[in-house]
Amino acid sequence: MTTLGTARDRAKAERTDAILVAAAELFGARGYSGVSLEEIGSAVGVSGPAVYRHFAGKQALLGALLIGVSERLVAGGLDVASRTDPGVERMRALVAFHVEFAIGNAPVIRVQDRDLAHLSDEGRSDVRRLQRAYIELWIDALSTLVDEDRDALRLRVQACFGLLNSTPHSTSAAVRARVDTAHLLSAMALAALLAES
């Protein structure tokens, strides 16, 4: 009985993940308002109503997508910071982590930029709280390299994110997939972070 329950739980988790991936792709391509639950379900081989077994509705699905990616960024950033020495090594590792995210998650970035307003108030608050935590992690890392106050460091970090997160809007998937794109973005991000004022 436990094995069946575990297998059933695993299958449900896999279907939930598949729905989130399909939602990211469809929302990223056509926007939140341009996609129905029926289309998302169809993309993973289930009916629209079957999606309700995983999410309370389309807004809840959007919330799970955007809150989930924000949680992964914070957790990943904390992991990077815990495994690297303060200074240039940590900053390079954080940049590499975010570059990999930006290149590999273009649809989610487009959804974040365009459809955040469709979240519930609570969902938007959760995303904003997680974003602030991620930014503060970067500010802490940058503060060991640049002698400025936190507001000035925040400006540098947010400008860096603007650069990296614009990638899904400005390049094709084929270009983003090239290894040298990651190297170029990393070099540009570090230059922006460490630029003389």
Protein backbone atom coordinates (compact mmCIF):
# COMPACT_ATOMS: atom_id res chain seq x y z
CA MET A 1 0.00 0.00 0.00
CA THR A 2 2.83 2.44 0.83
CA THR A 3 4.58 1.69 -2.47
CA LEU A 4 1.37 2.39 -4.42
CA GLY A 5 0.83 5.62 -2.50
CA THR A 6 4.44 6.62 -3.15
CA ALA A 7 4.15 5.77 -6.85
CA ARG A 8 0.87 7.70 -7.05
CA ASP A 9 2.43 10.68 -5.23
CA ARG A 10 5.42 10.57 -7.56
CA ALA A 11 3.18 10.47 -10.63
CA LYS A 12 1.15 13.41 -9.32
CA ALA A 13 4.31 15.41 -8.65
CA GLU A 14 5.58 14.66 -12.16
CA ARG A 15 2.27 15.77 -13.66
CA THR A 16 2.31 18.95 -11.55
CA ASP A 17 5.83 19.72 -12.82
CA ALA A 18 4.75 19.04 -16.41
CA ILE A 19 1.79 21.42 -16.01
CA LEU A 20 4.11 24.14 -14.66
CA VAL A 21 6.50 23.70 -17.59
CA ALA A 22 3.63 23.83 -20.10
CA ALA A 23 2.14 26.89 -18.40
CA ALA A 24 5.51 28.67 -18.51
CA GLU A 25 5.86 27.96 -22.23
CA LEU A 26 2.30 28.95 -23.10
CA PHE A 27 2.12 32.01 -20.82
CA GLY A 28 5.56 33.04 -22.07
CA ALA A 29 4.48 32.80 -25.71
CA ARG A 30 0.97 34.23 -25.51
CA GLY A 31 0.55 35.87 -22.12
CA TYR A 32 -1.55 34.83 -19.15
CA SER A 33 -4.79 36.16 -20.63
CA GLY A 34 -4.18 34.43 -23.95
CA VAL A 35 -4.05 30.89 -22.55
CA SER A 36 -6.80 28.69 -21.11
CA LEU A 37 -6.49 25.87 -18.60
CA GLU A 38 -7.81 23.59 -21.34
CA GLU A 39 -4.81 24.45 -23.52
CA ILE A 40 -2.39 23.90 -20.66
CA GLY A 41 -3.99 20.55 -19.85
CA SER A 42 -3.92 19.54 -23.50
CA ALA A 43 -0.20 20.31 -23.66
CA VAL A 44 0.44 17.64 -21.02
CA GLY A 45 -2.20 15.18 -22.19
CA VAL A 46 -5.00 15.88 -19.70
CA SER A 47 -8.29 17.75 -19.84
CA GLY A 48 -8.60 21.30 -18.55
CA PRO A 49 -10.69 20.17 -15.56
CA ALA A 50 -7.97 17.64 -14.65
CA VAL A 51 -5.61 20.57 -14.06
CA TYR A 52 -7.81 21.46 -11.06
CA ARG A 53 -6.51 18.32 -9.34
CA HIS A 54 -3.17 20.11 -9.15
CA PHE A 55 -4.08 23.82 -8.96
CA ALA A 56 -7.17 25.68 -7.75
CA GLY A 57 -7.31 27.66 -10.99
CA LYS A 58 -5.27 29.58 -13.53
CA GLN A 59 -4.27 32.30 -11.05
CA ALA A 60 -3.08 29.66 -8.57
CA LEU A 61 -1.08 28.02 -11.36
CA LEU A 62 0.55 31.35 -12.21
CA GLY A 63 1.31 31.87 -8.52
CA ALA A 64 2.91 28.44 -8.19
CA LEU A 65 5.03 29.15 -11.26
CA LEU A 66 6.30 32.59 -10.22
CA ILE A 67 6.62 31.93 -6.48
CA GLY A 68 8.30 28.60 -7.21
CA VAL A 69 10.92 30.14 -9.48
CA SER A 70 11.57 32.92 -6.95
CA GLU A 71 12.06 30.34 -4.20
CA ARG A 72 14.49 28.40 -6.42
CA LEU A 73 16.50 31.56 -7.13
CA VAL A 74 16.81 32.38 -3.42
CA ALA A 75 17.70 28.79 -2.49
CA GLY A 76 20.20 28.53 -5.34
CA GLY A 77 21.77 31.87 -4.47
CA LEU A 78 22.13 30.85 -0.83
CA ASP A 79 23.70 27.57 -1.88
CA VAL A 80 26.18 29.36 -4.16
CA ALA A 81 27.07 31.81 -1.38
CA SER A 82 27.57 29.02 1.16
CA ARG A 83 29.95 27.13 -1.16
CA THR A 84 32.17 30.04 -2.20
CA ASP A 85 34.56 32.38 -0.46
CA PRO A 86 33.50 36.01 -0.11
CA GLY A 87 34.83 38.35 -2.76
CA VAL A 88 35.34 37.85 -6.47
CA GLU A 89 34.81 34.07 -6.33
CA ARG A 90 31.35 34.44 -4.78
CA MET A 91 30.34 37.23 -7.15
CA ARG A 92 31.44 35.24 -10.20
CA ALA A 93 29.55 32.20 -8.94
CA LEU A 94 26.36 34.20 -8.36
CA VAL A 95 26.63 35.72 -11.83
CA ALA A 96 27.18 32.29 -13.39
CA PHE A 97 24.18 30.93 -11.49
CA HIS A 98 21.91 33.74 -12.69
CA VAL A 99 23.20 33.59 -16.27
CA GLU A 100 22.38 29.88 -16.38
CA PHE A 101 18.91 30.68 -15.00
CA ALA A 102 18.31 33.47 -17.53
CA ILE A 103 19.38 31.35 -20.49
CA GLY A 104 17.46 28.27 -19.36
CA ASN A 105 14.24 29.94 -18.20
CA ALA A 106 13.39 32.48 -20.89
CA PRO A 107 9.62 31.79 -20.83
CA VAL A 108 9.43 32.24 -17.05
CA ILE A 109 11.26 35.57 -17.26
CA ARG A 110 8.81 36.76 -19.92
CA VAL A 111 5.88 35.68 -17.72
CA GLN A 112 7.39 37.44 -14.69
CA ASP A 113 7.88 40.66 -16.65
CA ARG A 114 4.47 40.68 -18.28
CA ASP A 115 2.02 38.85 -16.03
CA LEU A 116 2.99 39.54 -12.41
CA ALA A 117 -0.06 41.82 -12.13
CA HIS A 118 -2.35 38.79 -12.62
CA LEU A 119 -1.22 37.27 -9.33
CA SER A 120 -3.33 37.63 -6.20
CA ASP A 121 -2.20 40.35 -3.78
CA GLU A 122 -0.73 37.65 -1.55
CA GLY A 123 1.07 36.03 -4.47
CA ARG A 124 2.58 39.34 -5.59
CA SER A 125 3.66 40.03 -2.02
CA ASP A 126 5.35 36.62 -1.81
CA VAL A 127 7.20 37.15 -5.09
CA ARG A 128 8.33 40.65 -4.07
CA ARG A 129 9.55 39.37 -0.66
CA LEU A 130 11.57 36.62 -2.34
CA GLN A 131 12.98 39.04 -4.91
CA ARG A 132 14.12 41.36 -2.12
CA ALA A 133 15.83 38.45 -0.36
CA TYR A 134 17.64 37.50 -3.59
CA ILE A 135 18.74 41.09 -4.18
CA GLU A 136 19.99 41.41 -0.60
CA LEU A 137 22.06 38.24 -1.06
CA TRP A 138 23.75 39.84 -4.08
CA ILE A 139 24.24 43.15 -2.25
CA ASP A 140 25.96 41.30 0.59
CA ALA A 141 28.30 39.63 -1.89
CA LEU A 142 29.01 42.85 -3.79
CA SER A 143 29.66 44.84 -0.60
CA THR A 144 32.97 43.02 -0.15
CA LEU A 145 34.15 44.32 -3.53
CA VAL A 146 32.63 47.79 -3.92
CA ASP A 147 32.84 50.44 -1.21
CA GLU A 148 29.39 52.05 -1.55
CA ASP A 149 26.25 52.23 0.56
CA ARG A 150 23.53 49.64 0.17
CA ASP A 151 21.35 51.87 -2.01
CA ALA A 152 24.16 52.31 -4.52
CA LEU A 153 24.93 48.58 -4.42
CA ARG A 154 21.23 47.83 -4.94
CA LEU A 155 21.29 50.00 -8.09
CA ARG A 156 24.26 48.01 -9.41
CA VAL A 157 22.58 44.66 -8.67
CA GLN A 158 19.25 45.66 -10.21
CA ALA A 159 21.00 47.02 -13.31
CA CYS A 160 22.83 43.71 -13.59
CA PHE A 161 19.54 41.80 -13.33
CA GLY A 162 18.06 44.08 -15.99
CA LEU A 163 20.91 43.18 -18.30
CA LEU A 164 20.70 39.44 -17.67
CA ASN A 165 16.91 39.20 -17.60
CA SER A 166 16.60 41.09 -20.90
CA THR A 167 18.23 38.14 -22.66
CA PRO A 168 14.93 36.28 -23.29
CA HIS A 169 13.54 39.41 -24.97
CA SER A 170 16.54 40.27 -27.09
CA THR A 171 17.97 37.00 -28.42
CA SER A 172 16.66 33.82 -30.00
CA ALA A 173 16.68 30.48 -28.20
CA ALA A 174 19.42 29.26 -30.54
CA VAL A 175 21.67 32.19 -29.62
CA ARG A 176 20.93 31.84 -25.88
CA ALA A 177 21.89 28.17 -26.02
CA ARG A 178 25.41 28.90 -27.24
CA VAL A 179 28.09 28.50 -24.60
CA ASP A 180 29.83 31.74 -25.60
CA THR A 181 26.60 33.63 -24.87
CA ALA A 182 26.92 32.62 -21.21
CA HIS A 183 30.55 33.79 -21.14
CA LEU A 184 29.67 37.12 -22.75
CA LEU A 185 26.75 37.73 -20.39
CA SER A 186 28.88 36.85 -17.36
CA ALA A 187 31.64 39.24 -18.44
CA MET A 188 29.14 42.03 -19.08
CA ALA A 189 27.39 41.46 -15.74
CA LEU A 190 30.64 41.53 -13.78
CA ALA A 191 31.74 44.67 -15.61
CA ALA A 192 28.44 46.36 -14.71
CA LEU A 193 28.63 45.28 -11.09
CA LEU A 194 32.22 46.40 -10.61
CA ALA A 195 32.21 49.53 -12.80
CA GLU A 196 33.95 52.56 -11.37
CA SER A 197 31.53 55.28 -10.30
